[in-house]
Amino acid sequence: MVRGLLSSPASRMSAPHCPPRDPRARDDDAFRRCTVKVEERLPNAAFALSWSDPTCCSYREQVWKRATARRAGVCVLSGEPIKRGDAVFRPQARRFKVPLNSGAMILAVSLETWGGSAADCE
């Protein structure tokens, strides 16, 4: 039975492209197919966002906190360039639970002017 499964065409399909777990190792195009929906503003400079990437992961009401960009990148909400040192929002990571989209960043200006609409990252 295992031999039959391994010889099927489905077993030869490539795995979906997911951003690497190390945010420093990924390129800025890794999140271009995602959809981000701002759910609500939370206390302590945080937002709850729904994130969907059809090739990799999906998070509902994921908490994003304000931070300083440690590297240059691209805002997944607006597509604007991010420079090192810019005010950004990033997904909150726990000690043993790092989200697959941990390398994503949103410019603080883009979220703070939020009007409650969904945005495609494309």
PDB file of N, CA and C in Angstrom:
ATOM      1  N   MET A   1       0.822  -1.182   0.000  1.00  0.00           N
ATOM      2  CA  MET A   1       0.000   0.000   0.000  1.00  0.00           C
ATOM      3  C   MET A   1       0.874   1.258   0.000  1.00  0.00           C
ATOM      4  N   VAL A   2       1.930   1.277   0.822  1.00  0.00           N
ATOM      5  CA  VAL A   2       2.814   2.434   0.863  1.00  0.00           C
ATOM      6  C   VAL A   2       3.480   2.645  -0.490  1.00  0.00           C
ATOM      7  N   ARG A   3       3.917   1.571  -1.129  1.00  0.00           N
ATOM      8  CA  ARG A   3       4.551   1.674  -2.438  1.00  0.00           C
ATOM      9  C   ARG A   3       3.578   2.302  -3.444  1.00  0.00           C
ATOM     10  N   GLY A   4       2.316   1.939  -3.371  1.00  0.00           N
ATOM     11  CA  GLY A   4       1.309   2.508  -4.265  1.00  0.00           C
ATOM     12  C   GLY A   4       1.119   3.995  -4.016  1.00  0.00           C
ATOM     13  N   LEU A   5       1.117   4.397  -2.773  1.00  0.00           N
ATOM     14  CA  LEU A   5       0.983   5.816  -2.454  1.00  0.00           C
ATOM     15  C   LEU A   5       2.195   6.611  -2.921  1.00  0.00           C
ATOM     16  N   LEU A   6       3.380   6.060  -2.731  1.00  0.00           N
ATOM     17  CA  LEU A   6       4.590   6.762  -3.137  1.00  0.00           C
ATOM     18  C   LEU A   6       4.723   6.878  -4.646  1.00  0.00           C
ATOM     19  N   SER A   7       4.125   5.956  -5.390  1.00  0.00           N
ATOM     20  CA  SER A   7       4.224   6.022  -6.841  1.00  0.00           C
ATOM     21  C   SER A   7       3.131   6.874  -7.471  1.00  0.00           C
ATOM     22  N   SER A   8       2.196   7.366  -6.686  1.00  0.00           N
ATOM     23  CA  SER A   8       1.115   8.184  -7.238  1.00  0.00           C
ATOM     24  C   SER A   8       1.636   9.565  -7.626  1.00  0.00           C
ATOM     25  N   PRO A   9       0.988  10.224  -8.599  1.00  0.00           N
ATOM     26  CA  PRO A   9       1.414  11.567  -9.014  1.00  0.00           C
ATOM     27  C   PRO A   9       1.365  12.578  -7.872  1.00  0.00           C
ATOM     28  N   ALA A  10       0.440  12.418  -6.933  1.00  0.00           N
ATOM     29  CA  ALA A  10       0.322  13.365  -5.831  1.00  0.00           C
ATOM     30  C   ALA A  10       1.560  13.350  -4.944  1.00  0.00           C
ATOM     31  N   SER A  11       2.242  12.216  -4.843  1.00  0.00           N
ATOM     32  CA  SER A  11       3.413  12.142  -3.986  1.00  0.00           C
ATOM     33  C   SER A  11       4.609  12.876  -4.597  1.00  0.00           C
ATOM     34  N   ARG A  12       4.554  13.174  -5.893  1.00  0.00           N
ATOM     35  CA  ARG A  12       5.655  13.872  -6.545  1.00  0.00           C
ATOM     36  C   ARG A  12       5.436  15.382  -6.604  1.00  0.00           C
ATOM     37  N   MET A  13       4.320  15.854  -6.097  1.00  0.00           N
ATOM     38  CA  MET A  13       4.057  17.287  -6.113  1.00  0.00           C
ATOM     39  C   MET A  13       4.979  17.976  -5.113  1.00  0.00           C
ATOM     40  N   SER A  14       5.400  19.189  -5.436  1.00  0.00           N
ATOM     41  CA  SER A  14       6.278  19.915  -4.528  1.00  0.00           C
ATOM     42  C   SER A  14       5.468  20.503  -3.378  1.00  0.00           C
ATOM     43  N   ALA A  15       6.130  20.692  -2.275  1.00  0.00           N
ATOM     44  CA  ALA A  15       5.490  21.278  -1.096  1.00  0.00           C
ATOM     45  C   ALA A  15       5.274  22.760  -1.339  1.00  0.00           C
ATOM     46  N   PRO A  16       4.250  23.349  -0.715  1.00  0.00           N
ATOM     47  CA  PRO A  16       4.025  24.782  -0.885  1.00  0.00           C
ATOM     48  C   PRO A  16       5.195  25.577  -0.332  1.00  0.00           C
ATOM     49  N   HIS A  17       5.435  26.739  -0.945  1.00  0.00           N
ATOM     50  CA  HIS A  17       6.522  27.609  -0.486  1.00  0.00           C
ATOM     51  C   HIS A  17       6.058  28.358   0.748  1.00  0.00           C
ATOM     52  N   CYS A  18       6.731  28.136   1.855  1.00  0.00           N
ATOM     53  CA  CYS A  18       6.448  28.852   3.096  1.00  0.00           C
ATOM     54  C   CYS A  18       7.645  29.708   3.439  1.00  0.00           C
ATOM     55  N   PRO A  19       7.413  30.868   4.052  1.00  0.00           N
ATOM     56  CA  PRO A  19       8.549  31.663   4.459  1.00  0.00           C
ATOM     57  C   PRO A  19       9.366  30.899   5.500  1.00  0.00           C
ATOM     58  N   PRO A  20      10.674  30.996   5.462  1.00  0.00           N
ATOM     59  CA  PRO A  20      11.479  30.314   6.470  1.00  0.00           C
ATOM     60  C   PRO A  20      11.144  30.813   7.864  1.00  0.00           C
ATOM     61  N   ARG A  21      11.362  29.970   8.863  1.00  0.00           N
ATOM     62  CA  ARG A  21      11.073  30.360  10.240  1.00  0.00           C
ATOM     63  C   ARG A  21      11.980  31.482  10.722  1.00  0.00           C
ATOM     64  N   ASP A  22      13.188  31.574  10.186  1.00  0.00           N
ATOM     65  CA  ASP A  22      14.098  32.644  10.563  1.00  0.00           C
ATOM     66  C   ASP A  22      13.769  33.871   9.727  1.00  0.00           C
ATOM     67  N   PRO A  23      13.189  34.933  10.339  1.00  0.00           N
ATOM     68  CA  PRO A  23      12.763  36.091   9.555  1.00  0.00           C
ATOM     69  C   PRO A  23      13.914  36.777   8.837  1.00  0.00           C
ATOM     70  N   ARG A  24      15.145  36.630   9.302  1.00  0.00           N
ATOM     71  CA  ARG A  24      16.272  37.278   8.636  1.00  0.00           C
ATOM     72  C   ARG A  24      16.623  36.565   7.348  1.00  0.00           C
ATOM     73  N   ALA A  25      16.204  35.294   7.193  1.00  0.00           N
ATOM     74  CA  ALA A  25      16.604  34.501   6.033  1.00  0.00           C
ATOM     75  C   ALA A  25      15.637  34.616   4.861  1.00  0.00           C
ATOM     76  N   ARG A  26      14.499  35.231   5.014  1.00  0.00           N
ATOM     77  CA  ARG A  26      13.504  35.262   3.951  1.00  0.00           C
ATOM     78  C   ARG A  26      13.653  36.514   3.095  1.00  0.00           C
ATOM     79  N   ASP A  27      13.113  36.467   1.892  1.00  0.00           N
ATOM     80  CA  ASP A  27      13.123  37.646   1.043  1.00  0.00           C
ATOM     81  C   ASP A  27      11.789  38.376   1.186  1.00  0.00           C
ATOM     82  N   ASP A  28      11.724  39.604   0.662  1.00  0.00           N
ATOM     83  CA  ASP A  28      10.529  40.424   0.850  1.00  0.00           C
ATOM     84  C   ASP A  28       9.347  39.975   0.006  1.00  0.00           C
ATOM     85  N   ASP A  29       9.553  39.072  -0.951  1.00  0.00           N
ATOM     86  CA  ASP A  29       8.458  38.582  -1.776  1.00  0.00           C
ATOM     87  C   ASP A  29       7.725  37.405  -1.135  1.00  0.00           C
ATOM     88  N   ALA A  30       8.199  36.933   0.011  1.00  0.00           N
ATOM     89  CA  ALA A  30       7.626  35.741   0.628  1.00  0.00           C
ATOM     90  C   ALA A  30       6.162  35.934   1.032  1.00  0.00           C
ATOM     91  N   PHE A  31       5.740  37.168   1.275  1.00  0.00           N
ATOM     92  CA  PHE A  31       4.381  37.413   1.760  1.00  0.00           C
ATOM     93  C   PHE A  31       3.496  38.106   0.730  1.00  0.00           C
ATOM     94  N   ARG A  32       3.875  38.095  -0.544  1.00  0.00           N
ATOM     95  CA  ARG A  32       3.117  38.875  -1.526  1.00  0.00           C
ATOM     96  C   ARG A  32       1.756  38.283  -1.869  1.00  0.00           C
ATOM     97  N   ARG A  33       1.488  37.031  -1.537  1.00  0.00           N
ATOM     98  CA  ARG A  33       0.188  36.433  -1.845  1.00  0.00           C
ATOM     99  C   ARG A  33      -0.759  36.446  -0.652  1.00  0.00           C
ATOM    100  N   CYS A  34      -0.395  37.127   0.407  1.00  0.00           N
ATOM    101  CA  CYS A  34      -1.214  37.100   1.613  1.00  0.00           C
ATOM    102  C   CYS A  34      -2.349  38.122   1.561  1.00  0.00           C
ATOM    103  N   THR A  35      -3.331  37.896   2.411  1.00  0.00           N
ATOM    104  CA  THR A  35      -4.420  38.841   2.602  1.00  0.00           C
ATOM    105  C   THR A  35      -4.448  39.196   4.081  1.00  0.00           C
ATOM    106  N   VAL A  36      -4.499  40.481   4.367  1.00  0.00           N
ATOM    107  CA  VAL A  36      -4.501  40.963   5.743  1.00  0.00           C
ATOM    108  C   VAL A  36      -5.788  41.725   5.988  1.00  0.00           C
ATOM    109  N   LYS A  37      -6.466  41.396   7.065  1.00  0.00           N
ATOM    110  CA  LYS A  37      -7.679  42.119   7.441  1.00  0.00           C
ATOM    111  C   LYS A  37      -7.507  42.615   8.871  1.00  0.00           C
ATOM    112  N   VAL A  38      -7.633  43.915   9.055  1.00  0.00           N
ATOM    113  CA  VAL A  38      -7.512  44.500  10.387  1.00  0.00           C
ATOM    114  C   VAL A  38      -8.834  44.271  11.114  1.00  0.00           C
ATOM    115  N   GLU A  39      -8.772  43.552  12.219  1.00  0.00           N
ATOM    116  CA  GLU A  39      -9.976  43.217  12.974  1.00  0.00           C
ATOM    117  C   GLU A  39     -10.324  44.290  14.002  1.00  0.00           C
ATOM    118  N   GLU A  40      -9.345  44.669  14.866  1.00  0.00           N
ATOM    119  CA  GLU A  40      -9.622  45.694  15.870  1.00  0.00           C
ATOM    120  C   GLU A  40      -8.348  46.245  16.469  1.00  0.00           C
ATOM    121  N   ARG A  41      -8.465  47.445  17.002  1.00  0.00           N
ATOM    122  CA  ARG A  41      -7.369  48.077  17.733  1.00  0.00           C
ATOM    123  C   ARG A  41      -7.435  47.571  19.172  1.00  0.00           C
ATOM    124  N   LEU A  42      -6.294  47.161  19.696  1.00  0.00           N
ATOM    125  CA  LEU A  42      -6.203  46.642  21.060  1.00  0.00           C
ATOM    126  C   LEU A  42      -5.448  47.638  21.936  1.00  0.00           C
ATOM    127  N   PRO A  43      -5.580  47.518  23.257  1.00  0.00           N
ATOM    128  CA  PRO A  43      -4.800  48.399  24.132  1.00  0.00           C
ATOM    129  C   PRO A  43      -3.303  48.104  24.023  1.00  0.00           C
ATOM    130  N   ASN A  44      -2.493  48.997  24.538  1.00  0.00           N
ATOM    131  CA  ASN A  44      -1.030  48.849  24.573  1.00  0.00           C
ATOM    132  C   ASN A  44      -0.409  48.761  23.187  1.00  0.00           C
ATOM    133  N   ALA A  45      -0.827  49.633  22.289  1.00  0.00           N
ATOM    134  CA  ALA A  45      -0.249  49.728  20.943  1.00  0.00           C
ATOM    135  C   ALA A  45      -0.227  48.385  20.228  1.00  0.00           C
ATOM    136  N   ALA A  46      -1.372  47.754  20.112  1.00  0.00           N
ATOM    137  CA  ALA A  46      -1.474  46.463  19.426  1.00  0.00           C
ATOM    138  C   ALA A  46      -2.728  46.445  18.560  1.00  0.00           C
ATOM    139  N   PHE A  47      -2.733  45.537  17.580  1.00  0.00           N
ATOM    140  CA  PHE A  47      -3.882  45.323  16.707  1.00  0.00           C
ATOM    141  C   PHE A  47      -4.131  43.828  16.595  1.00  0.00           C
ATOM    142  N   ALA A  48      -5.377  43.464  16.372  1.00  0.00           N
ATOM    143  CA  ALA A  48      -5.733  42.083  16.047  1.00  0.00           C
ATOM    144  C   ALA A  48      -5.977  42.044  14.545  1.00  0.00           C
ATOM    145  N   LEU A  49      -5.217  41.177  13.855  1.00  0.00           N
ATOM    146  CA  LEU A  49      -5.315  41.050  12.409  1.00  0.00           C
ATOM    147  C   LEU A  49      -5.644  39.619  12.034  1.00  0.00           C
ATOM    148  N   SER A  50      -6.343  39.446  10.931  1.00  0.00           N
ATOM    149  CA  SER A  50      -6.511  38.119  10.346  1.00  0.00           C
ATOM    150  C   SER A  50      -5.581  38.059   9.147  1.00  0.00           C
ATOM    151  N   TRP A  51      -4.798  37.001   9.083  1.00  0.00           N
ATOM    152  CA  TRP A  51      -3.758  36.821   8.063  1.00  0.00           C
ATOM    153  C   TRP A  51      -4.037  35.540   7.321  1.00  0.00           C
ATOM    154  N   SER A  52      -4.032  35.597   6.016  1.00  0.00           N
ATOM    155  CA  SER A  52      -4.254  34.397   5.224  1.00  0.00           C
ATOM    156  C   SER A  52      -3.270  34.370   4.065  1.00  0.00           C
ATOM    157  N   ASP A  53      -2.512  33.293   3.983  1.00  0.00           N
ATOM    158  CA  ASP A  53      -1.589  33.063   2.887  1.00  0.00           C
ATOM    159  C   ASP A  53      -1.929  31.688   2.322  1.00  0.00           C
ATOM    160  N   PRO A  54      -2.508  31.608   1.130  1.00  0.00           N
ATOM    161  CA  PRO A  54      -2.970  30.323   0.604  1.00  0.00           C
ATOM    162  C   PRO A  54      -1.858  29.303   0.395  1.00  0.00           C
ATOM    163  N   THR A  55      -0.622  29.743   0.353  1.00  0.00           N
ATOM    164  CA  THR A  55       0.481  28.807   0.145  1.00  0.00           C
ATOM    165  C   THR A  55       1.089  28.300   1.440  1.00  0.00           C
ATOM    166  N   CYS A  56       0.668  28.868   2.585  1.00  0.00           N
ATOM    167  CA  CYS A  56       1.392  28.505   3.793  1.00  0.00           C
ATOM    168  C   CYS A  56       0.576  28.482   5.073  1.00  0.00           C
ATOM    169  N   CYS A  57       0.018  29.616   5.485  1.00  0.00           N
ATOM    170  CA  CYS A  57      -0.568  29.681   6.819  1.00  0.00           C
ATOM    171  C   CYS A  57      -1.752  30.635   6.866  1.00  0.00           C
ATOM    172  N   SER A  58      -2.513  30.503   7.934  1.00  0.00           N
ATOM    173  CA  SER A  58      -3.660  31.362   8.168  1.00  0.00           C
ATOM    174  C   SER A  58      -3.800  31.576   9.672  1.00  0.00           C
ATOM    175  N   TYR A  59      -3.995  32.819  10.068  1.00  0.00           N
ATOM    176  CA  TYR A  59      -4.171  33.156  11.482  1.00  0.00           C
ATOM    177  C   TYR A  59      -5.387  34.056  11.615  1.00  0.00           C
ATOM    178  N   ARG A  60      -6.219  33.771  12.583  1.00  0.00           N
ATOM    179  CA  ARG A  60      -7.378  34.619  12.881  1.00  0.00           C
ATOM    180  C   ARG A  60      -7.095  35.387  14.152  1.00  0.00           C
ATOM    181  N   GLU A  61      -7.370  36.681  14.115  1.00  0.00           N
ATOM    182  CA  GLU A  61      -7.181  37.567  15.257  1.00  0.00           C
ATOM    183  C   GLU A  61      -5.798  37.415  15.879  1.00  0.00           C
ATOM    184  N   GLN A  62      -4.787  37.430  15.014  1.00  0.00           N
ATOM    185  CA  GLN A  62      -3.401  37.373  15.457  1.00  0.00           C
ATOM    186  C   GLN A  62      -3.010  38.741  16.021  1.00  0.00           C
ATOM    187  N   VAL A  63      -2.335  38.771  17.153  1.00  0.00           N
ATOM    188  CA  VAL A  63      -1.945  40.024  17.790  1.00  0.00           C
ATOM    189  C   VAL A  63      -0.634  40.521  17.186  1.00  0.00           C
ATOM    190  N   TRP A  64      -0.653  41.764  16.724  1.00  0.00           N
ATOM    191  CA  TRP A  64       0.529  42.430  16.187  1.00  0.00           C
ATOM    192  C   TRP A  64       0.851  43.595  17.112  1.00  0.00           C
ATOM    193  N   LYS A  65       2.118  43.714  17.512  1.00  0.00           N
ATOM    194  CA  LYS A  65       2.538  44.761  18.440  1.00  0.00           C
ATOM    195  C   LYS A  65       3.498  45.727  17.758  1.00  0.00           C
ATOM    196  N   ARG A  66       3.500  46.949  18.274  1.00  0.00           N
ATOM    197  CA  ARG A  66       4.366  47.996  17.751  1.00  0.00           C
ATOM    198  C   ARG A  66       5.819  47.676  18.112  1.00  0.00           C
ATOM    199  N   ALA A  67       6.714  47.929  17.159  1.00  0.00           N
ATOM    200  CA  ALA A  67       8.140  47.662  17.359  1.00  0.00           C
ATOM    201  C   ALA A  67       8.937  48.593  16.441  1.00  0.00           C
ATOM    202  N   THR A  68      10.234  48.456  16.490  1.00  0.00           N
ATOM    203  CA  THR A  68      11.130  49.179  15.600  1.00  0.00           C
ATOM    204  C   THR A  68      11.701  48.178  14.606  1.00  0.00           C
ATOM    205  N   ALA A  69      11.692  48.532  13.335  1.00  0.00           N
ATOM    206  CA  ALA A  69      12.205  47.626  12.298  1.00  0.00           C
ATOM    207  C   ALA A  69      13.696  47.400  12.512  1.00  0.00           C
ATOM    208  N   ARG A  70      14.084  46.140  12.591  1.00  0.00           N
ATOM    209  CA  ARG A  70      15.495  45.784  12.775  1.00  0.00           C
ATOM    210  C   ARG A  70      16.210  45.636  11.442  1.00  0.00           C
ATOM    211  N   ARG A  71      15.442  45.647  10.356  1.00  0.00           N
ATOM    212  CA  ARG A  71      16.018  45.506   9.020  1.00  0.00           C
ATOM    213  C   ARG A  71      15.083  46.195   8.035  1.00  0.00           C
ATOM    214  N   ALA A  72      15.567  46.406   6.835  1.00  0.00           N
ATOM    215  CA  ALA A  72      14.741  46.986   5.778  1.00  0.00           C
ATOM    216  C   ALA A  72      13.771  45.923   5.280  1.00  0.00           C
ATOM    217  N   GLY A  73      12.657  46.361   4.721  1.00  0.00           N
ATOM    218  CA  GLY A  73      11.668  45.425   4.199  1.00  0.00           C
ATOM    219  C   GLY A  73      10.576  46.151   3.443  1.00  0.00           C
ATOM    220  N   VAL A  74       9.446  45.481   3.307  1.00  0.00           N
ATOM    221  CA  VAL A  74       8.298  46.031   2.593  1.00  0.00           C
ATOM    222  C   VAL A  74       7.064  45.846   3.471  1.00  0.00           C
ATOM    223  N   CYS A  75       6.247  46.873   3.573  1.00  0.00           N
ATOM    224  CA  CYS A  75       5.006  46.809   4.352  1.00  0.00           C
ATOM    225  C   CYS A  75       4.018  45.886   3.638  1.00  0.00           C
ATOM    226  N   VAL A  76       3.525  44.863   4.343  1.00  0.00           N
ATOM    227  CA  VAL A  76       2.606  43.922   3.709  1.00  0.00           C
ATOM    228  C   VAL A  76       1.206  44.509   3.539  1.00  0.00           C
ATOM    229  N   LEU A  77       0.918  45.612   4.199  1.00  0.00           N
ATOM    230  CA  LEU A  77      -0.393  46.233   4.070  1.00  0.00           C
ATOM    231  C   LEU A  77      -0.426  47.249   2.926  1.00  0.00           C
ATOM    232  N   SER A  78       0.601  48.087   2.844  1.00  0.00           N
ATOM    233  CA  SER A  78       0.605  49.159   1.843  1.00  0.00           C
ATOM    234  C   SER A  78       1.564  48.937   0.677  1.00  0.00           C
ATOM    235  N   GLY A  79       2.565  48.057   0.856  1.00  0.00           N
ATOM    236  CA  GLY A  79       3.570  47.852  -0.174  1.00  0.00           C
ATOM    237  C   GLY A  79       4.686  48.881  -0.138  1.00  0.00           C
ATOM    238  N   GLU A  80       4.632  49.799   0.813  1.00  0.00           N
ATOM    239  CA  GLU A  80       5.656  50.837   0.945  1.00  0.00           C
ATOM    240  C   GLU A  80       6.949  50.236   1.495  1.00  0.00           C
ATOM    241  N   PRO A  81       8.092  50.820   1.104  1.00  0.00           N
ATOM    242  CA  PRO A  81       9.357  50.317   1.659  1.00  0.00           C
ATOM    243  C   PRO A  81       9.484  50.662   3.142  1.00  0.00           C
ATOM    244  N   ILE A  82      10.130  49.786   3.873  1.00  0.00           N
ATOM    245  CA  ILE A  82      10.407  49.984   5.298  1.00  0.00           C
ATOM    246  C   ILE A  82      11.910  50.083   5.457  1.00  0.00           C
ATOM    247  N   LYS A  83      12.355  51.122   6.161  1.00  0.00           N
ATOM    248  CA  LYS A  83      13.777  51.287   6.441  1.00  0.00           C
ATOM    249  C   LYS A  83      14.065  50.828   7.869  1.00  0.00           C
ATOM    250  N   ARG A  84      15.272  50.387   8.092  1.00  0.00           N
ATOM    251  CA  ARG A  84      15.677  50.004   9.441  1.00  0.00           C
ATOM    252  C   ARG A  84      15.454  51.197  10.369  1.00  0.00           C
ATOM    253  N   GLY A  85      14.827  50.951  11.511  1.00  0.00           N
ATOM    254  CA  GLY A  85      14.543  52.010  12.471  1.00  0.00           C
ATOM    255  C   GLY A  85      13.145  52.581  12.373  1.00  0.00           C
ATOM    256  N   ASP A  86      12.391  52.262  11.299  1.00  0.00           N
ATOM    257  CA  ASP A  86      11.012  52.740  11.160  1.00  0.00           C
ATOM    258  C   ASP A  86      10.117  52.101  12.213  1.00  0.00           C
ATOM    259  N   ALA A  87       9.063  52.811  12.596  1.00  0.00           N
ATOM    260  CA  ALA A  87       8.057  52.258  13.504  1.00  0.00           C
ATOM    261  C   ALA A  87       7.183  51.297  12.706  1.00  0.00           C
ATOM    262  N   VAL A  88       7.073  50.067  13.171  1.00  0.00           N
ATOM    263  CA  VAL A  88       6.319  49.022  12.476  1.00  0.00           C
ATOM    264  C   VAL A  88       5.479  48.221  13.483  1.00  0.00           C
ATOM    265  N   PHE A  89       4.613  47.395  12.944  1.00  0.00           N
ATOM    266  CA  PHE A  89       3.904  46.393  13.737  1.00  0.00           C
ATOM    267  C   PHE A  89       4.353  45.035  13.232  1.00  0.00           C
ATOM    268  N   ARG A  90       4.549  44.091  14.174  1.00  0.00           N
ATOM    269  CA  ARG A  90       5.002  42.739  13.854  1.00  0.00           C
ATOM    270  C   ARG A  90       4.132  41.737  14.596  1.00  0.00           C
ATOM    271  N   PRO A  91       4.003  40.510  14.069  1.00  0.00           N
ATOM    272  CA  PRO A  91       3.233  39.492  14.783  1.00  0.00           C
ATOM    273  C   PRO A  91       3.895  39.175  16.124  1.00  0.00           C
ATOM    274  N   GLN A  92       3.061  39.023  17.132  1.00  0.00           N
ATOM    275  CA  GLN A  92       3.583  38.693  18.452  1.00  0.00           C
ATOM    276  C   GLN A  92       4.027  37.232  18.463  1.00  0.00           C
ATOM    277  N   ALA A  93       5.243  37.005  18.898  1.00  0.00           N
ATOM    278  CA  ALA A  93       5.777  35.648  18.989  1.00  0.00           C
ATOM    279  C   ALA A  93       5.890  35.256  20.458  1.00  0.00           C
ATOM    280  N   ARG A  94       5.594  34.029  20.729  1.00  0.00           N
ATOM    281  CA  ARG A  94       5.763  33.483  22.073  1.00  0.00           C
ATOM    282  C   ARG A  94       7.060  32.688  22.101  1.00  0.00           C
ATOM    283  N   ARG A  95       7.510  32.348  23.260  1.00  0.00           N
ATOM    284  CA  ARG A  95       8.808  31.680  23.415  1.00  0.00           C
ATOM    285  C   ARG A  95       8.931  30.420  22.565  1.00  0.00           C
ATOM    286  N   PHE A  96       7.945  29.562  22.607  1.00  0.00           N
ATOM    287  CA  PHE A  96       8.012  28.309  21.851  1.00  0.00           C
ATOM    288  C   PHE A  96       7.020  28.272  20.699  1.00  0.00           C
ATOM    289  N   LYS A  97       6.428  29.401  20.369  1.00  0.00           N
ATOM    290  CA  LYS A  97       5.415  29.448  19.325  1.00  0.00           C
ATOM    291  C   LYS A  97       5.665  30.649  18.420  1.00  0.00           C
ATOM    292  N   VAL A  98       6.578  30.472  17.476  1.00  0.00           N
ATOM    293  CA  VAL A  98       6.895  31.540  16.536  1.00  0.00           C
ATOM    294  C   VAL A  98       6.007  31.354  15.309  1.00  0.00           C
ATOM    295  N   PRO A  99       5.175  32.366  14.976  1.00  0.00           N
ATOM    296  CA  PRO A  99       4.292  32.211  13.811  1.00  0.00           C
ATOM    297  C   PRO A  99       5.084  32.171  12.510  1.00  0.00           C
ATOM    298  N   LEU A 100       4.523  31.513  11.499  1.00  0.00           N
ATOM    299  CA  LEU A 100       5.179  31.404  10.202  1.00  0.00           C
ATOM    300  C   LEU A 100       5.342  32.757   9.517  1.00  0.00           C
ATOM    301  N   ASN A 101       4.534  33.733   9.896  1.00  0.00           N
ATOM    302  CA  ASN A 101       4.640  35.065   9.296  1.00  0.00           C
ATOM    303  C   ASN A 101       5.428  36.023  10.193  1.00  0.00           C
ATOM    304  N   SER A 102       6.281  35.491  11.048  1.00  0.00           N
ATOM    305  CA  SER A 102       7.012  36.317  12.013  1.00  0.00           C
ATOM    306  C   SER A 102       7.927  37.350  11.362  1.00  0.00           C
ATOM    307  N   GLY A 103       8.309  37.156  10.119  1.00  0.00           N
ATOM    308  CA  GLY A 103       9.163  38.114   9.430  1.00  0.00           C
ATOM    309  C   GLY A 103       8.408  39.256   8.776  1.00  0.00           C
ATOM    310  N   ALA A 104       7.096  39.212   8.808  1.00  0.00           N
ATOM    311  CA  ALA A 104       6.286  40.255   8.165  1.00  0.00           C
ATOM    312  C   ALA A 104       6.270  41.521   9.013  1.00  0.00           C
ATOM    313  N   MET A 105       6.141  42.658   8.343  1.00  0.00           N
ATOM    314  CA  MET A 105       6.064  43.947   9.026  1.00  0.00           C
ATOM    315  C   MET A 105       5.013  44.823   8.345  1.00  0.00           C
ATOM    316  N   ILE A 106       4.385  45.659   9.154  1.00  0.00           N
ATOM    317  CA  ILE A 106       3.438  46.658   8.650  1.00  0.00           C
ATOM    318  C   ILE A 106       3.875  48.004   9.203  1.00  0.00           C
ATOM    319  N   LEU A 107       4.016  48.994   8.339  1.00  0.00           N
ATOM    320  CA  LEU A 107       4.366  50.339   8.804  1.00  0.00           C
ATOM    321  C   LEU A 107       3.334  50.824   9.806  1.00  0.00           C
ATOM    322  N   ALA A 108       3.790  51.423  10.886  1.00  0.00           N
ATOM    323  CA  ALA A 108       2.877  51.917  11.925  1.00  0.00           C
ATOM    324  C   ALA A 108       1.915  52.950  11.347  1.00  0.00           C
ATOM    325  N   VAL A 109       2.378  53.772  10.431  1.00  0.00           N
ATOM    326  CA  VAL A 109       1.529  54.795   9.809  1.00  0.00           C
ATOM    327  C   VAL A 109       0.362  54.147   9.080  1.00  0.00           C
ATOM    328  N   SER A 110       0.593  53.012   8.418  1.00  0.00           N
ATOM    329  CA  SER A 110      -0.466  52.323   7.680  1.00  0.00           C
ATOM    330  C   SER A 110      -1.553  51.809   8.609  1.00  0.00           C
ATOM    331  N   LEU A 111      -1.173  51.274   9.765  1.00  0.00           N
ATOM    332  CA  LEU A 111      -2.168  50.742  10.695  1.00  0.00           C
ATOM    333  C   LEU A 111      -2.840  51.829  11.510  1.00  0.00           C
ATOM    334  N   GLU A 112      -2.091  52.838  11.891  1.00  0.00           N
ATOM    335  CA  GLU A 112      -2.662  53.875  12.744  1.00  0.00           C
ATOM    336  C   GLU A 112      -3.685  54.735  12.006  1.00  0.00           C
ATOM    337  N   THR A 113      -3.655  54.717  10.684  1.00  0.00           N
ATOM    338  CA  THR A 113      -4.668  55.427   9.902  1.00  0.00           C
ATOM    339  C   THR A 113      -5.750  54.476   9.417  1.00  0.00           C
ATOM    340  N   TRP A 114      -5.785  53.286  10.003  1.00  0.00           N
ATOM    341  CA  TRP A 114      -6.714  52.235   9.610  1.00  0.00           C
ATOM    342  C   TRP A 114      -8.162  52.708   9.670  1.00  0.00           C
ATOM    343  N   GLY A 115      -8.902  52.357   8.624  1.00  0.00           N
ATOM    344  CA  GLY A 115     -10.305  52.702   8.584  1.00  0.00           C
ATOM    345  C   GLY A 115     -11.205  51.491   8.650  1.00  0.00           C
ATOM    346  N   GLY A 116     -10.643  50.293   8.903  1.00  0.00           N
ATOM    347  CA  GLY A 116     -11.459  49.110   9.078  1.00  0.00           C
ATOM    348  C   GLY A 116     -11.661  48.283   7.826  1.00  0.00           C
ATOM    349  N   SER A 117     -10.844  48.463   6.803  1.00  0.00           N
ATOM    350  CA  SER A 117     -11.048  47.709   5.561  1.00  0.00           C
ATOM    351  C   SER A 117      -9.997  46.630   5.412  1.00  0.00           C
ATOM    352  N   ALA A 118     -10.312  45.644   4.580  1.00  0.00           N
ATOM    353  CA  ALA A 118      -9.362  44.573   4.301  1.00  0.00           C
ATOM    354  C   ALA A 118      -8.370  45.057   3.251  1.00  0.00           C
ATOM    355  N   ALA A 119      -7.201  44.451   3.233  1.00  0.00           N
ATOM    356  CA  ALA A 119      -6.187  44.830   2.259  1.00  0.00           C
ATOM    357  C   ALA A 119      -5.509  43.588   1.722  1.00  0.00           C
ATOM    358  N   ASP A 120      -5.327  43.528   0.414  1.00  0.00           N
ATOM    359  CA  ASP A 120      -4.546  42.459  -0.198  1.00  0.00           C
ATOM    360  C   ASP A 120      -3.108  42.898  -0.272  1.00  0.00           C
ATOM    361  N   CYS A 121      -2.211  41.965  -0.087  1.00  0.00           N
ATOM    362  CA  CYS A 121      -0.789  42.295  -0.116  1.00  0.00           C
ATOM    363  C   CYS A 121      -0.247  42.354  -1.524  1.00  0.00           C
ATOM    364  N   GLU A 122      -1.017  42.017  -2.509  1.00  0.00           N
ATOM    365  CA  GLU A 122      -0.511  41.989  -3.877  1.00  0.00           C
ATOM    366  C   GLU A 122      -0.449  43.374  -4.459  1.00  0.00           C
TER     367      GLU A 122
END
